[in-house]
């Protein structure tokens, strides 16, 4: 029974992809006609690109992150995601799926353990990665300099407690 459902879902996803491609084609045609009339395009490049995380997978080479350190691969993916879609932050599951697509080899027994290790790498590296307030998505620290500097800088290291306390007035832990 489950195989039948899985196949039906796969068929529907294929159909959906074709429909989305048709919509993007229509939008490109509209933009072309507007261009011929000397008008600005109605749809941005981002709207014409394939949508969502699965769309960016089509542009990920199957060996892009093969043999790279985990943190390097994550940083590269998040940067690529932001450049492609304008939406940089991603969930652990989205990052995991992308890295697998790009050939990263997780040293774990199964996907759950791999995702746990990925989450650990993200949370233990605040100089590179910043967890958003929703607790589910992670971005690059460089995207959030005002917020990320609080977590990336250890007040004990710098000996400057006052500057960190003044920046904590806008809310508690993240």
Protein backbone atom coordinates (compact mmCIF):
# COMPACT_ATOMS: atom_id res chain seq x y z
CA UNK A 1 0.00 0.00 0.00
CA UNK A 2 2.77 2.44 0.91
CA UNK A 3 4.57 1.84 -2.39
CA UNK A 4 1.40 2.83 -4.24
CA UNK A 5 1.09 6.04 -2.22
CA UNK A 6 4.79 6.82 -2.71
CA UNK A 7 4.45 6.35 -6.47
CA UNK A 8 1.33 8.52 -6.59
CA UNK A 9 3.13 11.27 -4.69
CA UNK A 10 6.11 11.02 -7.04
CA UNK A 11 3.80 11.26 -10.06
CA UNK A 12 2.03 14.29 -8.59
CA UNK A 13 5.33 16.02 -7.84
CA UNK A 14 6.40 15.47 -11.44
CA UNK A 15 3.11 16.93 -12.65
CA UNK A 16 3.48 19.88 -10.27
CA UNK A 17 7.00 20.56 -11.55
CA UNK A 18 5.70 20.65 -15.13
CA UNK A 19 2.91 23.02 -14.14
CA UNK A 20 5.36 25.30 -12.33
CA UNK A 21 7.60 25.28 -15.41
CA UNK A 22 4.61 26.30 -17.55
CA UNK A 23 3.79 29.18 -15.19
CA UNK A 24 7.41 30.39 -15.31
CA UNK A 25 7.28 30.17 -19.11
CA UNK A 26 4.14 32.30 -19.18
CA UNK A 27 5.78 34.86 -16.90
CA UNK A 28 8.84 35.00 -19.19
CA UNK A 29 6.56 35.58 -22.18
CA UNK A 30 4.82 38.43 -20.36
CA UNK A 31 8.19 39.96 -19.52
CA UNK A 32 9.30 39.64 -23.15
CA UNK A 33 6.18 41.36 -24.43
CA UNK A 34 6.61 44.14 -21.88
CA UNK A 35 10.24 44.52 -22.99
CA UNK A 36 9.18 44.79 -26.64
CA UNK A 37 6.74 47.52 -25.61
CA UNK A 38 9.55 49.38 -23.84
CA UNK A 39 8.18 48.66 -20.38
CA UNK A 40 9.81 47.20 -17.30
CA UNK A 41 9.40 43.47 -16.63
CA UNK A 42 6.52 42.48 -14.38
CA UNK A 43 8.29 39.45 -12.85
CA UNK A 44 11.70 39.53 -11.19
CA UNK A 45 14.49 37.07 -11.93
CA UNK A 46 13.81 35.49 -8.54
CA UNK A 47 10.18 34.85 -9.53
CA UNK A 48 11.33 33.28 -12.78
CA UNK A 49 13.82 31.00 -11.07
CA UNK A 50 12.74 27.62 -9.82
CA UNK A 51 11.19 28.06 -6.40
CA UNK A 52 12.06 26.54 -3.05
CA UNK A 53 14.96 24.50 -1.80
CA UNK A 54 14.32 21.64 -4.21
CA UNK A 55 14.73 24.05 -7.10
CA UNK A 56 18.20 25.09 -6.02
CA UNK A 57 19.16 21.40 -5.96
CA UNK A 58 18.96 21.36 -9.73
CA UNK A 59 21.91 23.76 -9.81
CA UNK A 60 24.00 21.87 -7.23
CA UNK A 61 26.72 19.75 -8.77
CA UNK A 62 26.66 16.21 -7.40
CA UNK A 63 30.24 16.57 -6.15
CA UNK A 64 30.14 20.18 -4.99
CA UNK A 65 30.79 19.36 -1.30
CA UNK A 66 32.45 15.98 -1.68
CA UNK A 67 35.46 15.84 0.65
CA UNK A 68 34.88 19.30 2.14
CA UNK A 69 34.64 20.02 5.87
CA UNK A 70 31.06 20.23 7.14
CA UNK A 71 31.18 23.90 8.17
CA UNK A 72 32.62 24.92 4.79
CA UNK A 73 29.89 23.02 2.94
CA UNK A 74 27.15 24.58 5.09
CA UNK A 75 28.51 28.10 4.58
CA UNK A 76 28.74 27.56 0.84
CA UNK A 77 25.19 26.22 0.65
CA UNK A 78 23.69 29.05 2.72
CA UNK A 79 25.52 31.65 0.60
CA UNK A 80 24.37 29.96 -2.60
CA UNK A 81 20.79 29.75 -1.31
CA UNK A 82 20.71 33.45 -0.46
CA UNK A 83 22.17 34.42 -3.83
CA UNK A 84 19.72 32.21 -5.73
CA UNK A 85 16.48 32.88 -3.87
CA UNK A 86 17.12 35.83 -1.58
CA UNK A 87 16.11 33.58 1.33
CA UNK A 88 19.31 32.58 3.07
CA UNK A 89 18.30 30.97 6.37
CA UNK A 90 17.48 27.27 6.22
CA UNK A 91 16.33 24.48 8.50
CA UNK A 92 18.56 21.57 9.42
CA UNK A 93 16.51 19.33 7.10
CA UNK A 94 16.93 21.72 4.16
CA UNK A 95 20.68 21.97 4.74
CA UNK A 96 20.97 18.20 5.11
CA UNK A 97 19.08 17.54 1.87
CA UNK A 98 21.17 20.08 -0.04
CA UNK A 99 24.48 18.75 1.24
CA UNK A 100 23.49 15.20 0.32
CA UNK A 101 22.57 16.39 -3.17
CA UNK A 102 25.98 18.07 -3.39
CA UNK A 103 27.85 14.88 -2.52
CA UNK A 104 28.70 15.59 1.12
CA UNK A 105 29.35 12.32 2.94
CA UNK A 106 27.97 12.34 6.47
CA UNK A 107 29.81 10.02 8.82
CA UNK A 108 26.68 8.77 10.56
CA UNK A 109 24.72 5.53 10.68
CA UNK A 110 21.51 7.11 9.44
CA UNK A 111 19.86 10.40 8.50
CA UNK A 112 18.66 11.16 12.03
CA UNK A 113 22.17 10.91 13.43
CA UNK A 114 23.54 12.94 10.54
CA UNK A 115 20.99 15.69 11.17
CA UNK A 116 21.80 15.65 14.87
CA UNK A 117 25.48 16.13 14.06
CA UNK A 118 24.62 18.88 11.59
CA UNK A 119 22.53 20.71 14.21
CA UNK A 120 25.39 20.36 16.69
CA UNK A 121 27.86 21.85 14.21
CA UNK A 122 25.52 24.78 13.57
CA UNK A 123 24.89 25.55 17.23
CA UNK A 124 28.49 25.10 18.38
CA UNK A 125 29.90 27.46 15.77
CA UNK A 126 28.38 30.90 16.51
CA UNK A 127 31.20 32.71 14.74
CA UNK A 128 29.96 31.22 11.48
CA UNK A 129 26.28 30.36 12.06
CA UNK A 130 23.39 32.18 13.72
CA UNK A 131 20.19 30.49 14.87
CA UNK A 132 17.16 32.66 14.17
CA UNK A 133 14.63 33.38 16.94
CA UNK A 134 12.21 30.76 15.55
CA UNK A 135 14.77 28.17 16.70
CA UNK A 136 14.39 26.24 13.45
CA UNK A 137 16.40 28.15 10.87
CA UNK A 138 20.08 28.99 10.68
CA UNK A 139 21.85 31.68 8.70
CA UNK A 140 25.37 32.99 8.42
CA UNK A 141 26.52 35.17 11.30
CA UNK A 142 27.71 37.80 8.83
CA UNK A 143 24.08 38.39 7.76
CA UNK A 144 23.10 39.48 11.28
CA UNK A 145 26.01 41.54 12.60
CA UNK A 146 24.01 43.31 15.32
CA UNK A 147 22.43 40.13 16.70
CA UNK A 148 25.18 37.67 15.95
CA UNK A 149 27.95 39.66 17.59
CA UNK A 150 26.29 39.07 20.96
CA UNK A 151 26.57 35.31 20.64
CA UNK A 152 29.85 35.21 18.74
CA UNK A 153 31.75 37.30 21.26
CA UNK A 154 32.46 35.93 24.69
CA UNK A 155 32.38 38.87 27.16
CA UNK A 156 34.92 37.08 29.36
CA UNK A 157 37.39 37.01 26.45
CA UNK A 158 37.17 40.69 25.69
CA UNK A 159 36.79 41.88 29.28
CA UNK A 160 34.14 44.38 28.10
CA UNK A 161 30.89 43.44 29.88
CA UNK A 162 29.25 46.86 29.60
CA UNK A 163 29.01 46.92 25.80
CA UNK A 164 27.42 43.45 25.75
CA UNK A 165 24.92 44.30 28.49
CA UNK A 166 23.73 47.40 26.66
CA UNK A 167 23.08 45.40 23.50
CA UNK A 168 21.02 42.84 25.48
CA UNK A 169 18.26 45.33 26.22
CA UNK A 170 16.24 44.31 23.17
CA UNK A 171 15.41 40.85 24.45
CA UNK A 172 16.77 37.78 26.15
CA UNK A 173 18.30 34.66 24.76
CA UNK A 174 17.84 33.64 21.19
